[in-house]
Amino acid sequence: MSLFGTSGLRGLVNADLTPALAVKVGMALGTFIRGGKVFVARDTRTSGLMIENALVSGLMASGLEVYCLGVLPTPVLAYLTGKLGADAGLMITASHNPPQYNGIKIFDKNGMAYDKKRQDKLEGIIEGGDFSLAGWGDLGGVEYGDESQLYVNMVLESLRLDRKWHVVIDTGCGATSYIAPEIFKRLGCKVKAVNSQPDGFFPGRSPEPTAESLAHLANIVKKLGAEVGIAYDGDGDRVAFIDEMGNFVDFDRILSAYAAFVLKSCEGGTVVTNVEASMCFEKTVKPKDGKVIRTNVGDVYIAEAVKKFGAVFGGEPCGAWIHPKYHHCPDGILSSALLLKALEDEGKSLSEFVANVPAYHIIRKNIHCKNEAKPAMLRRLGILLKKSFPDYRQILTIDGVRLSLKDGWILVRASGTEPLIRLTVEGESLKTAEAIMDKASATIKRALEDLEK
């Protein structure tokens, strides 16, 4: 089984991710980059300090100088890594996963997440146990500090709001709990903050911002007569929105609407999304002279494609948006501030901003599958799905199996962070989507049965 997935190393604390493994990750990184300075930050999870202490021990053992930045959102750690010239940045987070999970995500000196090639090299060092350790007189040191104001200043210098927006911010007891409300207050907004006390048990709601977990936020927005509700995941690289009427704003539609806004501002260009995004993305951005690049699911692939193709914007339909003008890490805080500016420039409410984006019907389903069985499962599904949907128009296998149909599409892919097969279908109508889902689910069940024989 691979240690690293699409979002770094992640797993259950003291089961998959132990202090012993964290020490090895630190020693492996030191062996790989051979000296220098690294930044370390963590989200609010109860296991964060334990993993940090172990990770720092491994980094110091390999001779690296370590600067611990405390509790910070992932995009802030990534931005500071590039801004202050560190040789690497390590974020201890499991992002939107439940509190019993944690992880380690690594960024290079440019603030770009480590790609598969570099993660594989680290994994090889860990598996081989061939660590390059410093002598007792050359051990690395550790310092503690807070450089988050540099990020705050970047956001404040990047845009100015001309009106006093009334916003409700739900930080979910995560890493954005202090910094996000501060930024919006300094932008001149009237801010109501909820779940803004850091707590690694995430008592207010799930660390994943979904329509279900944000029902309370939606009610608050409606009762207060606020204009926008903003919610972040556990580490702040994702953002979700509630409109002025208290409705959850569909991830695909807001992604498409904002991409179209950027293209309009730039008079065309390339935008990037993944294979899981709705077909409304193309429908919305192509009239704005937008060229669409689709990638594997995972923000590292979006970031790579944004950089490779000189894209003006990239994002995934989970609220992870990349703004290359500023940096290459998905950034929930920056995204939400830039969205307010877009609404201001367009003179629209949030509901009006997404109104012209076609609304198709997407259904998602998670199916348990052991990690070691995933490759064989996907190979089998590639055969069975074509038999189940003989009138398919196109098949893509860059990330799982994606079949384009006359009135929708199917995507089956392996989760990079959990023992799951993720099934996504979209149809032009709900009835069509449900019919596709029923047939695809039955096909997956048959594939699982075949593998168990």
Foldseek 3Di string as FASTA:
>chain_A
DAQQFLFGGKDFEPPSDYLVVLLLLLLLVCQVVVEWEEEEEEKQFPCTVVSVVSNVNSVQQSQYAYEYAYQAFLQLQLLCLQVVQGQKYWYWAPWQDARRMIGIWMAGSQSATDDPVVSVSSRVCSVVVPGRGDDPVRGYYYHYDHPSVVVLVLLLVVDADPDAAEEEEEALLMSCLPVLVVSSVVSRYNYHYDNSHRDSNSVQFRLQDDQVRCLVVLVVLQVVQGAKYWYGGRRALFIWIAGSNSHTDQLLLVVLLVLLLLLQVVQEFEEEEEPQHFPLNCVRNVVSNYDYDYAAPHLSGQLVCCVVRVGQWYDYSRRFIAGVVSGRGRGRSSVVSVVSVSCVVVVHGPCVSRVPRDDWDKDKDKDAAAPVCFVVLLVQLQVLVCVLQVQWDDWDPNAGIKTHHPFWIWGWHADRHHRIIMIMIIGRYPVVRVVVVVSSVVSSVVSVVVVVD
